[in-house]
N, C-alpha and C. Protein backbone atom coordinates (compact mmCIF):
# COMPACT_ATOMS: atom_id res chain seq x y z
N MET A 1 0.61 -14.34 5.33
CA MET A 1 0.04 -13.01 5.82
C MET A 1 1.69 -12.19 5.27
N ARG A 2 1.96 -11.05 4.52
CA ARG A 2 2.16 -9.83 4.62
C ARG A 2 1.93 -8.72 5.06
N LEU A 3 2.93 -7.92 5.19
CA LEU A 3 2.34 -6.04 5.83
C LEU A 3 2.89 -5.45 4.45
N TRP A 4 1.94 -4.76 4.16
CA TRP A 4 2.67 -3.35 3.18
C TRP A 4 2.69 -2.47 4.33
N LEU A 5 3.44 -1.71 3.58
CA LEU A 5 3.42 0.01 4.55
C LEU A 5 3.38 1.28 3.43
N PHE A 6 2.28 2.05 3.78
CA PHE A 6 1.96 3.61 3.23
C PHE A 6 3.31 4.21 3.48
N THR A 7 4.18 4.98 2.72
CA THR A 7 4.85 6.15 3.03
C THR A 7 3.99 6.55 3.86
N CYS A 8 4.96 7.47 4.84
CA CYS A 8 4.02 9.05 5.12
C CYS A 8 3.53 10.25 4.37
N PRO A 9 2.53 10.30 4.16
CA PRO A 9 2.25 11.45 3.10
C PRO A 9 3.11 12.58 2.93
N ASP A 10 3.49 12.91 4.00
CA ASP A 10 4.57 13.87 4.00
C ASP A 10 5.83 13.77 3.89
N ASN A 11 7.12 14.95 3.49
CA ASN A 11 8.23 13.92 3.56
C ASN A 11 8.50 14.76 5.46
N PHE A 12 9.57 14.34 5.76
CA PHE A 12 9.81 14.73 7.11
C PHE A 12 11.67 14.13 7.44
N ALA A 13 11.98 15.11 8.70
CA ALA A 13 13.87 14.58 8.15
C ALA A 13 14.52 13.13 8.61
N SER A 14 13.15 12.68 9.59
CA SER A 14 14.26 11.38 9.34
C SER A 14 13.70 9.82 8.26
N GLU A 15 12.87 10.26 7.63
CA GLU A 15 12.15 9.49 6.76
C GLU A 15 13.09 8.31 6.60
N TYR A 16 14.00 8.79 5.44
CA TYR A 16 14.94 7.75 5.13
C TYR A 16 15.58 7.17 5.85
N ASP A 17 15.77 7.39 7.13
CA ASP A 17 16.67 6.76 8.09
C ASP A 17 15.63 5.52 8.56
N ASP A 18 14.75 6.12 8.78
CA ASP A 18 13.48 4.97 8.94
C ASP A 18 13.23 4.06 8.47
N LEU A 19 13.20 4.38 7.13
CA LEU A 19 12.51 3.29 6.34
C LEU A 19 13.28 2.72 5.32
N GLU A 20 15.01 2.64 5.89
CA GLU A 20 16.15 2.04 5.80
C GLU A 20 16.37 1.09 6.89
N GLU A 21 15.79 1.25 8.22
CA GLU A 21 15.78 0.74 9.24
C GLU A 21 14.78 -0.35 8.87
N MET A 22 13.16 0.04 8.24
CA MET A 22 12.37 -1.35 8.62
C MET A 22 12.55 -1.79 7.68
N PHE A 23 13.43 -1.22 6.56
CA PHE A 23 13.78 -2.66 5.34
C PHE A 23 14.33 -3.10 5.80
N SER A 24 15.63 -3.30 6.89
CA SER A 24 16.35 -3.98 7.59
C SER A 24 15.81 -4.98 8.53
N ARG A 25 14.79 -4.54 8.59
CA ARG A 25 14.20 -5.00 9.99
C ARG A 25 12.82 -5.79 9.18
N GLY A 26 12.70 -6.19 7.95
CA GLY A 26 11.93 -7.01 7.43
C GLY A 26 10.74 -6.62 6.70
N LEU A 27 10.89 -5.07 6.05
CA LEU A 27 9.79 -4.69 5.28
C LEU A 27 9.71 -4.67 4.29
N THR A 28 9.01 -5.36 3.42
CA THR A 28 9.21 -6.39 1.62
C THR A 28 8.23 -5.62 0.96
N ARG A 29 7.49 -4.68 1.17
CA ARG A 29 6.46 -4.32 0.55
C ARG A 29 5.91 -2.55 1.11
N LEU A 30 6.64 -1.78 0.42
CA LEU A 30 6.49 -0.66 0.62
C LEU A 30 5.60 0.41 -0.72
N ILE A 31 4.63 0.71 -0.25
CA ILE A 31 3.58 1.49 -1.35
C ILE A 31 3.83 3.45 -1.22
N LEU A 32 4.78 3.45 -1.94
CA LEU A 32 5.15 4.98 -2.33
C LEU A 32 3.58 5.93 -2.26
N ASP A 33 3.24 6.84 -2.00
CA ASP A 33 2.44 7.59 -1.27
C ASP A 33 2.50 8.81 -1.09
N LYS A 34 2.94 9.57 -1.83
CA LYS A 34 3.00 11.18 -1.22
C LYS A 34 1.84 11.74 -1.95
N ARG A 35 1.78 13.50 -0.66
CA ARG A 35 0.64 14.12 -1.56
C ARG A 35 1.76 15.50 -2.69
N GLY A 36 0.74 15.74 -3.58
CA GLY A 36 1.56 16.25 -4.68
C GLY A 36 1.56 17.47 -4.38
N ARG A 37 2.62 18.64 -4.75
CA ARG A 37 2.92 20.11 -4.69
C ARG A 37 1.25 20.87 -4.62
N GLY A 38 0.97 21.87 -4.27
CA GLY A 38 0.41 22.96 -4.91
C GLY A 38 -1.14 22.31 -4.89
N GLY A 39 -1.44 21.13 -3.89
CA GLY A 39 -3.07 20.76 -3.27
C GLY A 39 -3.09 19.65 -4.13
N ASN A 40 -2.58 19.05 -4.76
CA ASN A 40 -2.78 18.29 -5.55
C ASN A 40 -2.61 16.67 -4.39
N ALA A 41 -3.96 15.59 -5.20
CA ALA A 41 -3.57 14.81 -4.47
C ALA A 41 -2.63 13.98 -3.82
N HIS A 42 -1.82 13.91 -5.30
CA HIS A 42 -0.19 12.83 -5.50
C HIS A 42 0.43 13.50 -6.16
N ALA A 43 1.71 13.28 -5.57
CA ALA A 43 2.92 13.78 -6.45
C ALA A 43 3.12 13.09 -7.79
N THR A 44 3.77 13.86 -8.59
CA THR A 44 4.04 13.96 -9.70
C THR A 44 5.38 12.67 -10.22
N PHE A 45 5.71 11.88 -11.35
CA PHE A 45 6.49 11.73 -11.91
C PHE A 45 7.95 11.88 -11.29
N ASN A 46 7.83 13.07 -11.82
CA ASN A 46 9.43 14.03 -11.31
C ASN A 46 9.53 13.86 -9.45
N ASP A 47 8.31 14.23 -8.62
CA ASP A 47 8.68 14.32 -7.46
C ASP A 47 8.56 12.81 -6.70
N TYR A 48 8.64 11.58 -7.21
CA TYR A 48 8.99 10.52 -6.85
C TYR A 48 10.25 10.04 -7.14
N ASP A 49 11.02 10.15 -8.91
CA ASP A 49 11.99 10.10 -9.13
C ASP A 49 12.94 10.89 -7.56
N ARG A 50 13.02 12.14 -7.54
CA ARG A 50 14.13 13.09 -6.50
C ARG A 50 13.44 12.05 -4.94
N TRP A 51 12.36 11.58 -5.08
CA TRP A 51 12.24 10.73 -3.67
C TRP A 51 13.24 9.33 -3.38
N LEU A 52 12.77 8.76 -4.71
CA LEU A 52 13.77 7.63 -4.33
C LEU A 52 15.41 7.80 -4.19
N LEU A 53 15.49 8.80 -4.70
CA LEU A 53 16.98 8.85 -5.39
C LEU A 53 17.13 9.00 -3.64
N GLY A 54 16.46 8.94 -2.32
CA GLY A 54 16.95 9.16 -0.96
C GLY A 54 17.59 7.83 -0.85
N LEU A 55 17.21 6.39 -1.57
CA LEU A 55 17.14 5.29 -0.86
C LEU A 55 18.23 4.17 -1.38
N PRO A 56 18.69 3.35 -1.28
CA PRO A 56 19.79 2.92 -2.44
C PRO A 56 19.25 1.61 -3.06
N MET A 57 19.61 1.82 -4.65
CA MET A 57 18.67 1.38 -5.48
C MET A 57 18.07 -0.12 -5.73
N GLU A 58 18.87 -0.94 -4.86
CA GLU A 58 18.24 -2.68 -4.39
C GLU A 58 16.87 -2.29 -3.82
N LEU A 59 16.11 -1.27 -3.32
CA LEU A 59 15.32 -1.17 -2.33
C LEU A 59 13.97 -1.18 -3.76
N ARG A 60 14.18 -0.68 -4.69
CA ARG A 60 13.38 -0.37 -5.50
C ARG A 60 12.50 -1.83 -5.52
N ASP A 61 13.01 -2.71 -5.64
CA ASP A 61 12.11 -4.25 -5.91
C ASP A 61 11.77 -4.31 -5.16
N ARG A 62 11.11 -3.20 -3.90
CA ARG A 62 10.20 -3.67 -2.80
C ARG A 62 9.21 -2.60 -2.73
N ILE A 63 9.23 -1.68 -3.57
CA ILE A 63 8.54 -0.21 -3.69
C ILE A 63 7.46 -0.81 -4.85
N TRP A 64 6.07 -0.37 -4.43
CA TRP A 64 5.19 0.03 -5.38
C TRP A 64 4.62 1.82 -5.15
N VAL A 65 4.92 2.65 -6.58
CA VAL A 65 4.36 3.39 -6.79
C VAL A 65 2.99 3.80 -7.07
N ARG A 66 2.21 4.70 -6.24
CA ARG A 66 1.01 5.00 -6.15
C ARG A 66 0.97 6.07 -7.99
N GLY A 67 0.34 5.41 -8.67
CA GLY A 67 0.23 5.78 -10.14
C GLY A 67 0.19 5.00 -11.24
N THR A 68 0.90 5.50 -12.91
CA THR A 68 0.44 4.42 -13.38
C THR A 68 1.68 3.43 -13.49
N PRO A 69 0.69 1.80 -14.34
CA PRO A 69 2.33 1.07 -14.34
C PRO A 69 2.98 1.79 -15.63
N ASP A 70 2.86 2.85 -16.17
CA ASP A 70 3.91 3.47 -17.04
C ASP A 70 5.17 4.24 -15.84
N MET A 71 4.28 4.54 -15.06
CA MET A 71 5.39 5.53 -14.10
C MET A 71 6.02 4.55 -13.11
N ALA A 72 5.68 3.20 -12.93
CA ALA A 72 6.59 2.66 -12.35
C ALA A 72 7.55 1.69 -12.98
N GLU A 73 7.09 1.98 -14.30
CA GLU A 73 8.12 0.56 -15.19
C GLU A 73 9.53 2.00 -15.54
N GLU A 74 8.89 3.17 -15.30
CA GLU A 74 10.20 4.20 -16.16
C GLU A 74 10.94 4.81 -14.43
N LEU A 75 10.57 4.29 -13.67
CA LEU A 75 11.10 4.67 -12.28
C LEU A 75 11.57 3.47 -12.12
N ASP A 76 11.52 2.55 -12.73
CA ASP A 76 12.20 1.35 -12.40
C ASP A 76 12.11 0.35 -10.70
N VAL A 77 10.85 0.52 -10.15
CA VAL A 77 10.11 -0.30 -9.00
C VAL A 77 9.56 -1.15 -9.54
N ARG A 78 8.94 -1.79 -8.07
CA ARG A 78 8.45 -3.15 -7.90
C ARG A 78 6.86 -3.00 -9.35
N GLY A 79 6.43 -2.68 -8.86
CA GLY A 79 4.82 -2.31 -9.21
C GLY A 79 4.13 -0.89 -9.06
N CYS A 80 2.79 -1.00 -9.93
CA CYS A 80 2.51 0.15 -9.10
C CYS A 80 1.01 0.09 -8.41
N VAL A 81 0.36 1.05 -7.66
CA VAL A 81 -0.71 0.79 -6.87
C VAL A 81 -1.77 1.67 -7.64
N CYS A 82 -2.75 1.72 -8.55
CA CYS A 82 -3.63 2.84 -8.41
C CYS A 82 -5.32 2.39 -8.72
N ASP A 83 -6.22 3.03 -9.11
CA ASP A 83 -7.71 2.64 -8.78
C ASP A 83 -7.93 1.74 -10.01
N ALA A 84 -8.84 0.75 -9.20
CA ALA A 84 -9.80 -0.19 -10.29
C ALA A 84 -9.77 -0.13 -11.32
N GLN A 85 -10.48 1.49 -11.63
CA GLN A 85 -10.77 1.89 -12.68
C GLN A 85 -10.38 1.71 -14.21
N SER A 86 -8.55 2.40 -13.65
CA SER A 86 -7.64 2.50 -14.28
C SER A 86 -7.16 1.24 -15.19
N PHE A 87 -7.64 -0.22 -14.26
CA PHE A 87 -7.69 -1.09 -15.29
C PHE A 87 -8.62 -1.42 -16.12
N MET A 88 -9.27 -1.07 -16.15
CA MET A 88 -11.29 -1.56 -16.82
C MET A 88 -10.89 -1.07 -18.16
N GLY A 89 -11.68 -1.49 -19.01
CA GLY A 89 -11.71 -1.96 -20.52
C GLY A 89 -10.12 -1.77 -21.10
N GLU A 90 -10.13 -1.25 -22.04
CA GLU A 90 -8.55 -1.43 -23.46
C GLU A 90 -7.43 -0.30 -22.03
N VAL A 91 -6.53 -1.20 -22.08
CA VAL A 91 -5.10 -0.80 -21.96
C VAL A 91 -4.19 -1.17 -22.72
N PRO A 92 -3.22 -0.43 -22.40
CA PRO A 92 -2.30 -0.82 -23.00
C PRO A 92 -1.46 -2.17 -23.00
N GLU A 93 -1.32 -2.84 -24.28
CA GLU A 93 -0.71 -4.20 -23.22
C GLU A 93 0.70 -4.41 -22.90
N SER A 94 1.77 -2.89 -22.55
CA SER A 94 2.79 -3.11 -21.92
C SER A 94 2.17 -2.82 -20.20
N TRP A 95 0.77 -2.77 -20.05
CA TRP A 95 0.83 -3.00 -18.56
C TRP A 95 0.53 -4.27 -18.11
N LYS A 96 0.13 -4.64 -19.01
CA LYS A 96 -0.07 -6.36 -18.18
C LYS A 96 1.18 -6.90 -17.96
N ARG A 97 2.15 -6.39 -18.04
CA ARG A 97 3.70 -7.31 -18.01
C ARG A 97 4.25 -6.54 -16.67
N ILE A 98 3.19 -5.36 -16.05
CA ILE A 98 4.12 -4.68 -14.76
C ILE A 98 3.32 -5.49 -13.36
N ASN A 99 3.67 -5.21 -12.76
CA ASN A 99 2.58 -5.66 -10.85
C ASN A 99 2.04 -4.98 -10.45
N CYS A 100 0.57 -5.01 -10.70
CA CYS A 100 0.00 -3.86 -10.47
C CYS A 100 -1.30 -4.59 -9.61
N VAL A 101 -1.66 -3.24 -8.85
CA VAL A 101 -2.21 -3.98 -7.42
C VAL A 101 -3.57 -2.43 -7.97
N ALA A 102 -5.08 -3.39 -7.74
CA ALA A 102 -5.80 -2.05 -8.04
C ALA A 102 -6.37 -1.90 -6.41
N ILE A 103 -6.54 -0.29 -6.23
CA ILE A 103 -7.33 0.11 -4.48
C ILE A 103 -9.11 0.13 -5.23
N CYS A 104 -9.89 -1.18 -4.45
CA CYS A 104 -11.00 -1.53 -4.25
C CYS A 104 -11.93 -0.83 -3.29
N LYS A 105 -12.60 -0.08 -3.59
CA LYS A 105 -13.17 0.23 -2.26
C LYS A 105 -14.55 -0.99 -1.36
N ASN A 106 -14.90 -1.28 -2.36
CA ASN A 106 -15.78 -2.35 -2.28
C ASN A 106 -15.28 -3.90 -3.03
N VAL A 107 -15.86 -5.37 -2.57
CA VAL A 107 -15.51 -6.56 -3.01
C VAL A 107 -16.58 -6.44 -5.06
N LYS A 108 -17.26 -5.90 -5.15
CA LYS A 108 -18.33 -5.84 -6.03
C LYS A 108 -16.59 -5.58 -7.33
N GLU A 109 -15.86 -4.22 -7.22
CA GLU A 109 -14.47 -3.71 -7.91
C GLU A 109 -13.68 -5.22 -7.96
N ALA A 110 -13.49 -5.48 -6.77
CA ALA A 110 -12.58 -6.50 -6.84
C ALA A 110 -12.73 -8.08 -7.47
N GLU A 111 -14.07 -8.21 -7.94
CA GLU A 111 -14.42 -9.36 -8.44
C GLU A 111 -14.79 -9.50 -9.86
N VAL A 112 -14.16 -8.11 -10.25
CA VAL A 112 -14.67 -7.82 -12.11
C VAL A 112 -13.50 -7.15 -12.66
N LEU A 113 -12.41 -7.04 -11.84
CA LEU A 113 -11.09 -6.77 -12.19
C LEU A 113 -10.59 -7.90 -13.60
N PRO A 114 -9.88 -7.05 -14.26
CA PRO A 114 -9.04 -8.31 -15.64
C PRO A 114 -8.23 -9.35 -14.92
N GLU A 115 -7.33 -10.19 -15.22
CA GLU A 115 -6.50 -11.84 -14.89
C GLU A 115 -5.24 -11.55 -14.44
N TRP A 116 -5.08 -10.30 -15.43
CA TRP A 116 -3.79 -9.81 -15.05
C TRP A 116 -3.42 -9.17 -14.36
N VAL A 117 -4.13 -8.15 -13.79
CA VAL A 117 -4.25 -7.47 -12.75
C VAL A 117 -3.36 -8.32 -11.34
N ALA A 118 -2.34 -7.93 -10.47
CA ALA A 118 -1.85 -9.21 -9.83
C ALA A 118 -2.50 -9.06 -8.24
N GLY A 119 -2.89 -8.07 -8.20
CA GLY A 119 -3.87 -8.12 -6.71
C GLY A 119 -4.42 -6.70 -6.59
N VAL A 120 -5.24 -6.89 -5.03
CA VAL A 120 -6.25 -5.89 -4.59
C VAL A 120 -5.79 -5.43 -3.07
N LEU A 121 -6.27 -3.81 -3.56
CA LEU A 121 -6.05 -3.39 -2.41
C LEU A 121 -7.57 -2.75 -1.87
N LEU A 122 -8.03 -3.92 -0.28
CA LEU A 122 -9.26 -3.59 -0.51
C LEU A 122 -9.49 -3.16 1.08
N GLY A 123 -10.85 -2.01 0.85
CA GLY A 123 -10.79 -1.17 2.04
C GLY A 123 -11.55 0.14 1.96
N PRO A 124 -11.12 0.92 2.72
CA PRO A 124 -10.93 0.84 4.00
C PRO A 124 -11.87 -0.11 5.31
N VAL A 125 -11.52 -1.40 5.71
CA VAL A 125 -12.00 -2.25 6.46
C VAL A 125 -12.59 -1.37 8.00
N MET A 126 -11.97 -0.94 8.46
CA MET A 126 -11.97 -0.02 9.72
C MET A 126 -11.90 1.33 9.43
N HIS A 127 -12.57 2.14 10.26
CA HIS A 127 -11.53 3.46 10.38
C HIS A 127 -10.34 3.95 10.42
N PRO A 128 -9.85 4.30 9.15
CA PRO A 128 -8.22 4.32 9.03
C PRO A 128 -7.74 5.51 10.59
N LEU A 129 -6.79 5.33 10.86
CA LEU A 129 -6.48 5.90 12.03
C LEU A 129 -5.70 7.40 11.33
N SER A 130 -5.30 7.25 10.31
CA SER A 130 -4.89 8.26 9.46
C SER A 130 -5.99 9.55 8.75
N ALA A 131 -7.41 8.89 9.33
CA ALA A 131 -8.17 10.11 8.19
C ALA A 131 -8.62 11.15 9.19
N ILE A 132 -8.63 11.75 9.01
CA ILE A 132 -9.28 13.12 9.61
C ILE A 132 -10.93 13.03 9.99
N GLU A 133 -11.33 12.63 8.93
CA GLU A 133 -13.11 12.96 8.69
C GLU A 133 -13.30 11.55 9.12
N PRO A 134 -14.87 11.34 9.22
CA PRO A 134 -15.48 9.80 8.90
C PRO A 134 -15.39 9.04 7.65
N VAL A 135 -15.32 8.31 7.57
CA VAL A 135 -15.22 7.66 6.01
C VAL A 135 -16.43 6.36 6.21
N GLU A 136 -16.65 5.66 5.13
CA GLU A 136 -17.49 4.61 5.06
C GLU A 136 -16.50 3.17 5.03
N ILE A 137 -16.98 2.19 5.61
CA ILE A 137 -16.03 1.36 6.12
C ILE A 137 -16.91 -0.05 5.43
N LEU A 138 -16.05 -0.69 5.23
CA LEU A 138 -16.37 -2.47 4.96
C LEU A 138 -17.28 -3.13 6.13
N GLY A 139 -16.19 -2.74 6.92
CA GLY A 139 -16.70 -3.77 8.38
C GLY A 139 -15.63 -5.33 7.94
N THR A 140 -15.99 -6.01 9.30
CA THR A 140 -14.95 -6.96 9.52
C THR A 140 -15.97 -8.18 9.12
N SER A 141 -17.20 -8.14 8.96
CA SER A 141 -17.72 -8.85 8.48
C SER A 141 -17.80 -9.40 6.24
N LEU A 142 -16.84 -8.71 5.98
CA LEU A 142 -17.14 -8.32 4.57
C LEU A 142 -16.24 -10.28 4.50
N ASN A 143 -16.83 -10.69 3.13
CA ASN A 143 -15.89 -12.01 2.28
C ASN A 143 -15.40 -11.37 1.28
N VAL A 144 -13.76 -12.15 1.80
CA VAL A 144 -12.80 -11.42 0.86
C VAL A 144 -12.69 -12.30 -0.19
N PRO A 145 -12.88 -11.74 -1.82
CA PRO A 145 -12.26 -12.11 -2.69
C PRO A 145 -11.10 -13.29 -3.05
N SER A 146 -11.37 -14.98 -3.58
CA SER A 146 -10.12 -14.89 -3.72
C SER A 146 -9.40 -15.50 -5.03
N LYS A 147 -9.92 -15.12 -6.01
CA LYS A 147 -9.65 -14.66 -7.55
C LYS A 147 -8.50 -14.00 -7.50
N THR A 148 -8.11 -12.95 -6.58
CA THR A 148 -7.04 -12.45 -7.31
C THR A 148 -6.20 -11.67 -5.71
N PRO A 149 -5.00 -12.38 -5.06
CA PRO A 149 -4.61 -11.88 -3.76
C PRO A 149 -5.53 -10.90 -3.26
N VAL A 150 -5.70 -10.42 -2.26
CA VAL A 150 -6.26 -9.01 -1.54
C VAL A 150 -5.39 -8.76 -0.36
N VAL A 151 -4.88 -7.88 -0.58
CA VAL A 151 -4.44 -7.18 0.56
C VAL A 151 -5.29 -5.98 1.78
N LEU A 152 -5.86 -5.70 2.60
CA LEU A 152 -6.56 -5.76 3.98
C LEU A 152 -6.50 -3.54 4.06
N CYS A 153 -6.79 -2.95 3.50
CA CYS A 153 -6.55 -1.61 4.51
C CYS A 153 -7.30 -1.16 5.56
N GLY A 154 -7.31 -0.30 5.89
CA GLY A 154 -8.27 0.75 6.96
C GLY A 154 -8.15 0.17 8.24
N GLY A 155 -7.56 0.90 9.54
CA GLY A 155 -7.32 0.51 10.85
C GLY A 155 -6.66 -0.20 11.00
N VAL A 156 -5.85 -0.79 10.53
CA VAL A 156 -4.60 -1.85 10.83
C VAL A 156 -3.59 -1.13 11.37
N ASP A 157 -3.49 -1.98 12.49
CA ASP A 157 -2.01 -1.64 14.05
C ASP A 157 -2.58 -2.82 14.85
N THR A 158 -1.40 -2.64 16.34
CA THR A 158 -1.66 -3.74 16.88
C THR A 158 -2.75 -3.90 17.35
N ASP A 159 -3.66 -3.26 17.81
CA ASP A 159 -5.06 -3.47 18.52
C ASP A 159 -6.09 -4.03 17.69
N THR A 160 -5.79 -3.77 16.43
CA THR A 160 -6.90 -4.89 15.46
C THR A 160 -6.44 -5.70 14.39
N ILE A 161 -4.69 -5.97 14.33
CA ILE A 161 -4.52 -6.81 13.66
C ILE A 161 -5.23 -8.08 13.63
N ASP A 162 -5.36 -8.99 14.63
CA ASP A 162 -6.37 -10.09 14.95
C ASP A 162 -7.52 -10.33 14.26
N GLU A 163 -8.33 -8.90 14.50
CA GLU A 163 -9.69 -8.95 13.33
C GLU A 163 -9.52 -9.29 12.15
N PHE A 164 -8.31 -8.47 11.29
CA PHE A 164 -7.63 -8.90 9.95
C PHE A 164 -7.47 -10.10 9.73
N LYS A 165 -7.13 -10.65 10.50
CA LYS A 165 -6.28 -12.03 10.30
C LYS A 165 -7.32 -13.30 10.05
N LYS A 166 -8.56 -12.83 10.92
CA LYS A 166 -10.23 -13.68 10.34
C LYS A 166 -10.49 -13.86 9.26
N LEU A 167 -9.87 -12.83 8.47
CA LEU A 167 -10.53 -12.62 7.31
C LEU A 167 -9.51 -13.91 6.18
N SER A 168 -8.33 -14.13 6.86
CA SER A 168 -7.48 -14.27 6.16
C SER A 168 -7.40 -13.67 4.40
N PRO A 169 -6.64 -12.37 4.71
CA PRO A 169 -5.88 -11.79 3.17
C PRO A 169 -4.94 -12.33 2.85
N ALA A 170 -4.27 -12.28 1.62
CA ALA A 170 -2.47 -12.48 1.47
C ALA A 170 -1.55 -11.60 2.16
N GLY A 171 -2.18 -10.01 2.67
CA GLY A 171 -1.52 -9.11 3.20
C GLY A 171 -2.62 -8.21 4.15
N VAL A 172 -1.86 -7.18 4.75
CA VAL A 172 -2.41 -5.57 6.08
C VAL A 172 -1.95 -5.07 5.21
N ALA A 173 -2.66 -3.66 4.65
CA ALA A 173 -1.84 -2.70 4.52
C ALA A 173 -1.60 -1.24 5.48
N SER A 174 -0.80 -0.97 5.99
CA SER A 174 -1.08 0.17 7.02
C SER A 174 -0.10 1.46 7.11
N LEU A 175 -0.68 2.32 7.39
CA LEU A 175 -0.46 4.05 6.82
C LEU A 175 -0.28 4.41 8.75
N GLY A 176 -1.46 5.03 9.25
CA GLY A 176 -1.60 5.40 10.46
C GLY A 176 -0.87 4.29 11.70
N GLY A 177 -0.91 2.70 11.45
CA GLY A 177 -0.90 2.10 12.27
C GLY A 177 0.48 1.97 12.65
N VAL A 178 1.54 3.06 11.69
CA VAL A 178 3.32 3.33 11.73
C VAL A 178 3.37 4.50 11.91
N TRP A 179 2.69 5.11 11.10
CA TRP A 179 3.36 6.88 10.74
C TRP A 179 2.57 7.84 12.43
N ASN A 180 1.51 7.05 12.46
CA ASN A 180 1.02 8.09 13.77
C ASN A 180 2.05 8.26 15.01
N TYR A 181 2.66 6.88 15.26
CA TYR A 181 3.38 7.04 16.21
C TYR A 181 4.63 7.90 16.58
N ALA A 182 5.28 7.85 18.14
CA ALA A 182 6.12 8.69 18.13
C ALA A 182 7.61 7.98 17.39
N ASP A 183 7.53 6.79 17.73
CA ASP A 183 8.77 6.00 16.75
C ASP A 183 8.16 4.89 16.02
N PRO A 184 8.10 5.09 15.04
CA PRO A 184 7.19 4.42 13.51
C PRO A 184 8.24 3.51 13.60
N VAL A 185 9.36 3.19 13.61
CA VAL A 185 10.32 2.05 13.31
C VAL A 185 9.92 1.06 14.38
N ASN A 186 9.68 1.34 15.93
CA ASN A 186 9.05 0.35 16.87
C ASN A 186 8.01 -0.03 16.34
N ALA A 187 7.21 0.87 15.94
CA ALA A 187 5.56 0.59 15.71
C ALA A 187 5.56 -0.31 14.49
N PHE A 188 6.48 0.05 13.70
CA PHE A 188 6.34 -1.12 12.50
C PHE A 188 6.71 -2.72 13.04
N ILE A 189 8.15 -2.69 13.92
CA ILE A 189 8.69 -4.12 14.54
C ILE A 189 7.49 -4.49 15.32
N LYS A 190 6.94 -4.16 16.19
CA LYS A 190 5.59 -4.62 16.58
C LYS A 190 4.42 -5.20 15.47
N LEU A 191 4.09 -4.26 14.37
CA LEU A 191 3.19 -4.78 14.00
C LEU A 191 3.67 -5.97 12.92
N ASN A 192 4.51 -5.82 12.19
CA ASN A 192 5.27 -7.05 11.79
C ASN A 192 5.38 -7.97 12.09
N ARG A 193 5.80 -7.83 13.33
CA ARG A 193 5.92 -9.16 14.80
C ARG A 193 4.43 -10.08 14.92
N LEU A 194 3.44 -9.13 15.13
CA LEU A 194 2.04 -9.53 14.89
C LEU A 194 1.48 -10.20 13.99
N VAL A 195 1.79 -9.30 12.26
CA VAL A 195 1.24 -9.95 10.89
C VAL A 195 1.98 -11.29 10.96
N ASN A 196 3.11 -11.62 10.99
CA ASN A 196 4.29 -12.74 10.44
C ASN A 196 3.75 -14.01 11.98
N SER A 197 2.80 -13.74 13.19
CA SER A 197 2.92 -14.31 13.88
C SER A 197 1.77 -15.60 13.82
N ILE A 198 1.72 -16.84 14.64
CA ILE A 198 0.89 -17.46 13.88
C ILE A 198 -0.70 -17.44 14.98
């Protein structure tokens, strides 16, 4: 099982230092997902391109961007993460060579994905630590589909990781379980250690 980390939605002063330290301490999967300017839910290509300049080029192979496969290819990152509906129906052939992870809100969405989709980000399983409002959750009694590697998200932290492990996913993704702490690097180290323990 692997730990995937979402970027903090907002930029902050020591962000790059913290991320570089996390990469040096075992972070292998970072989902670059930032808020856009002017109230947009997600940042633009130019925002992401500028953001990536703050990290060494060799780390791009460990980054999936929240956006389209075309954006991921142009930014020269490992892959993309986007809503499952984006992969349904006709898609450009070029998308099929990109490492794409589909965001699914339920198991049914995950079960009907095309075979070329590399992974599923399924959740929220528990109430996300970063959510302000109540959200609909899947709960820990769900059956994880096995056709495509599944990464579970929503409520992942040191107190809940054992519940996630019982579901035997390929990985778990955390946002609030790291960034809600005063020392996110230490929070990452503790969570990563628990994810990788037997």
